[in-house]
């Protein structure tokens, strides 16, 4: 009898993925036209917008009545090819009339990344003259024109970390800031689980070089920490124990945001983020970054005018505009699109991350980004 029960249970377990896939296949499509802008695509994996595509595919959102969104095709920006070839299909090529039509056709705009592609990243000949300068990137005048039209038509606009950071021109940045009641401080930052150059080979070479250049060729850091980088290449380094009681940055969500979006009160965030100052008369702060600063760490930030707390999720209050700004690189998570084809996969999300690893970002996707974006898109689809 026990053997039979075990066999039945084992059979159900084996058939579960097939049932989940079948349920996904039978889920009806939902048309939702999204203008995705991603200018930082080094390969066809589309890492900078993969998390959004996961959600679009999982919930079967389509760009028309039939076709779903393809990660390597359905966006505006930089399109890589083989042998150092590429194609640029951004909004810069649009005429004013085409921008206006896109703003009519699109239900929402999502700017996942405008950092762009630099010559030294794209071309293999590192010592060639091509190895300096930017190949493509930054928020453009046409991008801004599109954003203004979407705002005027009261359509949803979602933007992320580095939308207005370098290499966006200051005059375009200032217009964006004026439109949405926010200001970039010029600082970006990231957590590193080790600042020891002998251990962590992924520490950016330019970061260590820039610090040494103004600190007598010294790099004294050995523990984990947070590195702040300004748009003028200044560095502020907060090290565990020296400046921080806990080196990991966390995102803290308000009670109302937890209820509205189904996100946790607190979650770690070990990736790039920028420091934004909001106009709180115009914007609501649904979540903020929290750093575990000791007095020495607080003094280090104060010296450079960096606030100790700043928004992670900013949302415009007015019904006249639907706007979100995520101060982290939220859409970039190392997930697999394959799992998006299984209905109910969230019940097994614990299988896809290990919270003991300080650098893992999958838990952020499953517990924060996925419920946040799913709620926003469902709300928009109803409207």
Protein backbone atom coordinates (compact mmCIF):
# COMPACT_ATOMS: atom_id res chain seq x y z
CA UNK A 1 0.00 0.00 0.00
CA UNK A 2 2.78 2.42 0.92
CA UNK A 3 4.56 1.50 -2.30
CA UNK A 4 1.44 2.34 -4.33
CA UNK A 5 1.00 5.68 -2.58
CA UNK A 6 4.64 6.52 -3.13
CA UNK A 7 4.34 5.65 -6.80
CA UNK A 8 1.24 7.86 -7.18
CA UNK A 9 2.91 10.78 -5.41
CA UNK A 10 6.07 10.37 -7.49
CA UNK A 11 3.95 10.26 -10.65
CA UNK A 12 2.16 13.48 -9.67
CA UNK A 13 5.47 15.21 -9.03
CA UNK A 14 6.79 14.18 -12.43
CA UNK A 15 3.61 15.32 -14.19
CA UNK A 16 3.42 18.67 -12.36
CA UNK A 17 5.70 20.61 -14.76
CA UNK A 18 3.64 19.35 -17.71
CA UNK A 19 0.43 20.51 -16.02
CA UNK A 20 1.97 23.91 -15.24
CA UNK A 21 3.11 24.29 -18.84
CA UNK A 22 -0.34 23.28 -20.12
CA UNK A 23 -2.02 25.80 -17.80
CA UNK A 24 0.29 28.53 -19.12
CA UNK A 25 -0.50 27.53 -22.71
CA UNK A 26 -4.25 27.73 -22.03
CA UNK A 27 -4.00 31.14 -20.35
CA UNK A 28 -5.62 33.78 -22.59
CA UNK A 29 -3.49 36.48 -24.14
CA UNK A 30 -3.73 40.08 -22.97
CA UNK A 31 -2.80 42.87 -25.37
CA UNK A 32 -0.61 45.52 -23.78
CA UNK A 33 1.51 47.69 -26.04
CA UNK A 34 4.79 48.59 -24.35
CA UNK A 35 7.55 50.74 -25.81
CA UNK A 36 10.70 49.26 -24.25
CA UNK A 37 13.90 51.30 -24.52
CA UNK A 38 17.20 49.55 -23.78
CA UNK A 39 20.46 51.06 -25.00
CA UNK A 40 22.78 48.66 -23.14
CA UNK A 41 22.46 45.34 -24.97
CA UNK A 42 25.82 43.61 -25.46
CA UNK A 43 24.32 40.32 -26.67
CA UNK A 44 20.99 38.85 -27.71
CA UNK A 45 20.22 37.68 -24.17
CA UNK A 46 18.92 41.18 -23.44
CA UNK A 47 20.11 41.09 -19.84
CA UNK A 48 19.08 44.68 -19.10
CA UNK A 49 15.41 43.99 -19.86
CA UNK A 50 15.16 40.24 -19.21
CA UNK A 51 13.12 40.58 -16.00
CA UNK A 52 10.44 42.61 -17.77
CA UNK A 53 10.26 40.08 -20.63
CA UNK A 54 9.92 37.27 -18.09
CA UNK A 55 6.81 38.91 -16.65
CA UNK A 56 5.37 39.79 -20.08
CA UNK A 57 5.77 36.19 -21.22
CA UNK A 58 4.56 34.64 -17.96
CA UNK A 59 1.31 36.62 -18.05
CA UNK A 60 1.05 36.33 -21.85
CA UNK A 61 1.01 40.04 -22.57
CA UNK A 62 1.20 40.61 -26.31
CA UNK A 63 2.24 43.53 -28.51
CA UNK A 64 -0.75 42.88 -30.77
CA UNK A 65 -3.61 40.39 -30.67
CA UNK A 66 -1.31 37.44 -31.41
CA UNK A 67 2.42 38.04 -30.94
CA UNK A 68 4.23 38.06 -27.62
CA UNK A 69 7.36 40.10 -26.88
CA UNK A 70 10.69 38.69 -28.08
CA UNK A 71 13.65 39.65 -25.93
CA UNK A 72 16.08 40.09 -28.84
CA UNK A 73 13.69 42.02 -31.04
CA UNK A 74 10.96 44.03 -29.33
CA UNK A 75 12.71 47.07 -27.92
CA UNK A 76 14.28 50.33 -29.08
CA UNK A 77 18.02 50.77 -28.74
CA UNK A 78 21.23 48.92 -29.56
CA UNK A 79 21.02 45.62 -31.47
CA UNK A 80 24.22 43.52 -31.47
CA UNK A 81 25.26 41.36 -34.41
CA UNK A 82 28.21 39.04 -34.94
CA UNK A 83 31.80 40.10 -35.76
CA UNK A 84 31.55 43.46 -33.97
CA UNK A 85 28.65 44.52 -36.18
CA UNK A 86 25.55 46.19 -34.77
CA UNK A 87 22.35 48.00 -35.64
CA UNK A 88 20.88 51.00 -33.85
CA UNK A 89 17.11 51.11 -33.83
CA UNK A 90 16.37 53.76 -31.25
CA UNK A 91 13.85 56.57 -31.13
CA UNK A 92 16.55 58.88 -32.51
CA UNK A 93 15.70 57.69 -36.03
CA UNK A 94 12.01 58.64 -35.61
CA UNK A 95 10.49 61.76 -37.07
CA UNK A 96 8.28 64.00 -34.94
CA UNK A 97 5.21 62.47 -36.60
CA UNK A 98 6.47 58.94 -35.86
CA UNK A 99 7.13 59.82 -32.22
CA UNK A 100 3.58 61.18 -31.96
CA UNK A 101 2.16 58.00 -33.48
CA UNK A 102 4.17 55.80 -31.11
CA UNK A 103 2.81 57.79 -28.16
CA UNK A 104 -0.71 57.14 -29.49
CA UNK A 105 -0.12 53.41 -30.04
CA UNK A 106 1.77 52.60 -26.84
CA UNK A 107 -0.05 51.90 -23.59
CA UNK A 108 3.10 52.53 -21.59
CA UNK A 109 6.81 53.28 -21.89
CA UNK A 110 9.55 51.45 -19.97
CA UNK A 111 13.12 52.77 -20.08
CA UNK A 112 15.16 49.89 -18.69
CA UNK A 113 18.65 51.26 -19.38
CA UNK A 114 20.19 54.20 -21.24
CA UNK A 115 23.82 53.81 -20.11
CA UNK A 116 24.71 52.62 -23.59
CA UNK A 117 27.60 50.82 -25.21
CA UNK A 118 31.19 52.07 -25.06
CA UNK A 119 33.80 51.37 -27.71
CA UNK A 120 36.08 49.58 -25.26
CA UNK A 121 33.23 47.18 -24.39
CA UNK A 122 32.22 46.47 -27.96
CA UNK A 123 35.42 46.29 -29.97
CA UNK A 124 37.91 43.51 -29.25
CA UNK A 125 40.97 45.56 -30.24
CA UNK A 126 41.40 47.25 -26.87
CA UNK A 127 44.45 49.27 -27.94
CA UNK A 128 42.83 50.58 -31.11
CA UNK A 129 41.75 54.22 -31.31
CA UNK A 130 38.17 52.96 -31.12
CA UNK A 131 38.68 51.86 -27.54
CA UNK A 132 37.74 55.25 -26.08
CA UNK A 133 34.46 57.10 -26.03
CA UNK A 134 30.84 56.09 -26.31
CA UNK A 135 29.41 54.17 -29.24
CA UNK A 136 25.74 54.76 -28.37
CA UNK A 137 23.80 55.77 -25.29
CA UNK A 138 22.24 58.40 -23.09
CA UNK A 139 18.68 59.73 -23.02
CA UNK A 140 18.18 61.60 -26.29
CA UNK A 141 16.05 64.54 -27.37
CA UNK A 142 13.73 62.14 -29.22
CA UNK A 143 13.41 59.97 -26.08
CA UNK A 144 12.47 63.05 -24.11
CA UNK A 145 10.00 64.16 -26.77
CA UNK A 146 8.33 60.74 -26.51
CA UNK A 147 8.26 60.90 -22.71
CA UNK A 148 6.67 64.35 -22.78
CA UNK A 149 3.92 63.15 -25.13
CA UNK A 150 3.25 60.07 -22.99
CA UNK A 151 2.99 62.28 -19.91
CA UNK A 152 0.66 64.73 -21.69
CA UNK A 153 -1.58 61.80 -22.68
CA UNK A 154 -1.57 60.55 -19.06
CA UNK A 155 0.05 57.27 -20.04
CA UNK A 156 2.24 55.19 -17.78
CA UNK A 157 5.99 55.86 -17.81
CA UNK A 158 8.43 53.58 -15.95
CA UNK A 159 12.12 54.49 -15.76
CA UNK A 160 15.07 52.97 -13.95
CA UNK A 161 18.55 53.59 -12.63
CA UNK A 162 20.75 55.55 -15.00
CA UNK A 163 17.92 56.83 -17.21
CA UNK A 164 19.29 60.34 -16.65
CA UNK A 165 22.78 59.53 -15.41
CA UNK A 166 25.94 59.60 -17.51
CA UNK A 167 26.15 59.84 -20.53
CA UNK A 168 22.85 61.76 -20.76
CA UNK A 169 23.46 65.43 -21.58
CA UNK A 170 22.86 67.82 -18.63
CA UNK A 171 20.22 69.88 -20.47
CA UNK A 172 18.15 66.74 -21.21
CA UNK A 173 18.58 65.55 -17.62
CA UNK A 174 17.38 68.88 -16.24
CA UNK A 175 14.26 68.78 -18.41
CA UNK A 176 13.47 65.26 -17.21
CA UNK A 177 13.99 66.29 -13.58
CA UNK A 178 11.64 69.23 -14.06
CA UNK A 179 8.98 67.04 -15.62
CA UNK A 180 8.87 64.59 -12.74
CA UNK A 181 9.93 66.48 -9.63
CA UNK A 182 13.21 64.72 -8.88
CA UNK A 183 16.93 65.41 -9.05
CA UNK A 184 19.89 63.11 -9.56
CA UNK A 185 22.70 63.96 -7.15
CA UNK A 186 25.39 62.79 -9.59
CA UNK A 187 26.16 59.75 -7.40
CA UNK A 188 25.74 56.05 -8.18
CA UNK A 189 26.75 53.20 -5.90
CA UNK A 190 27.10 49.45 -5.60
CA UNK A 191 27.72 46.83 -2.93
CA UNK A 192 30.78 44.54 -3.22
CA UNK A 193 31.09 41.41 -1.09
CA UNK A 194 34.86 41.95 -1.01
CA UNK A 195 36.91 45.08 -1.66
CA UNK A 196 40.13 43.07 -1.56
CA UNK A 197 41.73 43.24 -5.02
CA UNK A 198 43.52 39.94 -4.38
CA UNK A 199 40.21 38.15 -3.77
CA UNK A 200 37.59 39.95 -5.83
CA UNK A 201 38.75 39.96 -9.44
CA UNK A 202 35.46 41.57 -10.52
CA UNK A 203 36.27 44.90 -8.91
CA UNK A 204 36.29 47.45 -11.75
CA UNK A 205 39.87 48.32 -12.69
CA UNK A 206 38.97 51.99 -13.24
CA UNK A 207 37.55 52.19 -9.72
CA UNK A 208 40.75 51.02 -8.04
CA UNK A 209 42.89 53.13 -10.39
CA UNK A 210 40.89 56.33 -9.74
CA UNK A 211 41.04 55.87 -5.97
CA UNK A 212 44.77 55.21 -5.96
CA UNK A 213 45.40 58.28 -8.13
CA UNK A 214 44.26 60.61 -5.34
CA UNK A 215 45.23 58.49 -2.32
CA UNK A 216 49.00 58.05 -2.65
CA UNK A 217 48.64 54.86 -4.68
CA UNK A 218 46.91 53.12 -1.75
CA UNK A 219 43.86 50.84 -1.76
CA UNK A 220 43.53 49.79 1.90
CA UNK A 221 40.16 47.99 1.72
CA UNK A 222 39.87 44.27 2.50
CA UNK A 223 36.28 43.70 3.66
CA UNK A 224 32.88 44.05 2.03
CA UNK A 225 31.45 47.50 1.42
CA UNK A 226 29.62 50.05 -0.71
CA UNK A 227 31.36 52.18 -3.32
CA UNK A 228 29.83 55.54 -4.32
CA UNK A 229 30.97 57.00 -7.65
CA UNK A 230 30.23 60.56 -8.78
CA UNK A 231 29.75 61.79 -12.34
CA UNK A 232 33.11 63.55 -11.93
CA UNK A 233 34.80 60.24 -10.91
CA UNK A 234 35.06 61.00 -7.19
CA UNK A 235 34.89 57.91 -4.98
CA UNK A 236 33.49 57.46 -1.49
CA UNK A 237 34.10 53.98 -0.09
CA UNK A 238 32.22 52.71 2.93
CA UNK A 239 33.76 49.56 4.37
CA UNK A 240 32.20 47.04 6.72
CA UNK A 241 33.03 47.69 10.39
CA UNK A 242 34.89 50.91 9.55
CA UNK A 243 31.88 52.83 8.20
CA UNK A 244 29.03 50.32 8.32
CA UNK A 245 27.55 48.03 10.94
CA UNK A 246 26.16 45.94 8.07
CA UNK A 247 27.63 46.43 4.61
CA UNK A 248 24.60 45.20 2.65
CA UNK A 249 22.22 47.90 1.30
CA UNK A 250 18.55 47.18 1.95
CA UNK A 251 15.32 48.43 0.44
CA UNK A 252 12.61 49.26 2.96
CA UNK A 253 9.02 49.48 1.69
CA UNK A 254 6.20 51.49 3.21
CA UNK A 255 3.22 49.68 4.71
CA UNK A 256 0.94 50.95 1.95
CA UNK A 257 3.37 49.78 -0.76
CA UNK A 258 3.59 46.34 0.86
CA UNK A 259 -0.19 46.02 0.66
CA UNK A 260 -0.54 47.53 -2.81
CA UNK A 261 2.25 45.63 -4.56
CA UNK A 262 2.70 42.53 -2.40
CA UNK A 263 6.35 43.35 -1.72
CA UNK A 264 8.27 42.63 1.51
CA UNK A 265 9.02 45.17 4.20
CA UNK A 266 12.77 44.67 3.75
CA UNK A 267 14.96 43.11 1.06
CA UNK A 268 18.68 43.20 0.27
CA UNK A 269 19.91 44.88 -2.90
CA UNK A 270 23.53 44.06 -3.88
CA UNK A 271 23.67 45.80 -7.28
CA UNK A 272 23.94 49.27 -8.85
CA UNK A 273 21.70 52.12 -7.67
CA UNK A 274 21.69 55.90 -7.89
CA UNK A 275 21.02 58.61 -5.36
CA UNK A 276 17.91 60.66 -6.15
CA UNK A 277 16.46 63.63 -4.27
CA UNK A 278 12.66 63.74 -4.73
CA UNK A 279 10.21 66.60 -4.51
CA UNK A 280 7.88 64.94 -2.00
CA UNK A 281 5.07 67.39 -2.74
CA UNK A 282 4.89 65.83 -6.21
CA UNK A 283 6.05 62.29 -5.53
CA UNK A 284 5.34 59.45 -3.13
CA UNK A 285 8.21 57.30 -1.88
CA UNK A 286 6.99 53.69 -1.90
CA UNK A 287 10.38 52.30 -0.90
CA UNK A 288 13.76 53.70 0.11
CA UNK A 289 17.35 52.54 0.41
CA UNK A 290 18.66 52.02 3.90
CA UNK A 291 22.36 51.88 4.78
CA UNK A 292 23.62 50.69 8.17
CA UNK A 293 25.90 53.65 8.83
CA UNK A 294 27.96 54.17 11.95
CA UNK A 295 29.07 57.74 12.89
CA UNK A 296 32.18 57.50 10.69
CA UNK A 297 30.08 56.38 7.72
CA UNK A 298 27.56 59.17 8.26
CA UNK A 299 30.40 61.70 8.35
CA UNK A 300 31.88 60.32 5.12
CA UNK A 301 28.59 60.77 3.25
CA UNK A 302 27.90 64.17 4.79
CA UNK A 303 31.31 65.43 3.63
CA UNK A 304 30.26 64.87 0.01
CA UNK A 305 26.62 65.89 0.44
CA UNK A 306 25.27 62.37 -0.06
CA UNK A 307 22.02 61.75 1.86
CA UNK A 308 21.94 58.80 4.25
CA UNK A 309 18.56 57.65 2.91
CA UNK A 310 17.05 58.09 -0.56
CA UNK A 311 14.25 56.67 -2.73
CA UNK A 312 14.27 53.20 -4.24
CA UNK A 313 10.76 53.40 -5.73
CA UNK A 314 9.40 56.86 -6.51
CA UNK A 315 5.86 57.39 -7.83
CA UNK A 316 4.17 60.59 -8.95
CA UNK A 317 1.15 61.41 -6.80
CA UNK A 318 -0.95 63.33 -9.29
CA UNK A 319 -3.66 61.69 -11.39
CA UNK A 320 -2.40 63.92 -14.19
CA UNK A 321 0.71 61.76 -14.61
CA UNK A 322 1.48 58.09 -14.15
CA UNK A 323 5.19 57.82 -13.48
CA UNK A 324 7.58 55.51 -11.63
CA UNK A 325 11.31 55.82 -11.11
CA UNK A 326 13.27 52.85 -9.77
CA UNK A 327 16.62 53.96 -8.34
CA UNK A 328 18.18 50.54 -8.84
CA UNK A 329 18.99 48.43 -11.89
CA UNK A 330 15.79 46.52 -11.11
CA UNK A 331 15.21 44.93 -14.52
CA UNK A 332 18.66 43.30 -14.66
CA UNK A 333 18.52 39.98 -12.79
CA UNK A 334 20.23 36.68 -13.73
CA UNK A 335 17.02 34.73 -14.34
CA UNK A 336 16.00 32.20 -16.97
CA UNK A 337 13.15 32.95 -19.37
CA UNK A 338 12.38 29.22 -19.45
CA UNK A 339 10.68 29.36 -16.05
CA UNK A 340 8.22 31.98 -17.32
CA UNK A 341 6.36 29.29 -19.30
CA UNK A 342 5.13 27.52 -16.15
CA UNK A 343 1.91 28.71 -14.55
CA UNK A 344 2.15 28.90 -10.77
CA UNK A 345 5.95 28.81 -10.78
CA UNK A 346 6.01 31.39 -7.96
CA UNK A 347 4.96 28.66 -5.51
CA UNK A 348 8.40 27.13 -6.10
CA UNK A 349 10.41 30.35 -6.16
CA UNK A 350 12.52 29.25 -3.18
CA UNK A 351 14.17 26.71 -5.48
CA UNK A 352 15.66 29.46 -7.65
CA UNK A 353 17.80 31.37 -5.16
CA UNK A 354 20.09 30.95 -2.20
CA UNK A 355 19.86 33.85 0.22
CA UNK A 356 23.09 32.72 1.89
CA UNK A 357 24.95 34.11 -1.12
CA UNK A 358 25.24 37.88 -0.56
CA UNK A 359 25.63 38.63 -4.28
CA UNK A 360 22.61 36.69 -5.58
CA UNK A 361 19.82 38.80 -7.09
CA UNK A 362 17.23 36.17 -7.94
CA UNK A 363 15.50 36.61 -4.59
CA UNK A 364 15.07 40.29 -5.44
CA UNK A 365 13.40 39.34 -8.71
CA UNK A 366 10.99 36.82 -7.19
CA UNK A 367 10.09 38.70 -4.02
CA UNK A 368 10.24 42.35 -5.08
CA UNK A 369 10.47 43.08 -8.81
CA UNK A 370 8.01 40.44 -9.99
CA UNK A 371 5.12 41.39 -7.65
CA UNK A 372 5.83 45.10 -8.13
CA UNK A 373 5.75 45.04 -11.95
CA UNK A 374 2.97 42.46 -12.12
CA UNK A 375 0.72 44.71 -10.01
CA UNK A 376 1.59 47.82 -12.03
CA UNK A 377 0.92 46.07 -15.38
CA UNK A 378 -2.33 44.49 -14.21
CA UNK A 379 -3.56 47.86 -13.02
CA UNK A 380 -2.59 49.43 -16.34
CA UNK A 381 -4.16 46.64 -18.36
CA UNK A 382 -7.49 47.17 -16.56
CA UNK A 383 -7.33 50.89 -17.35
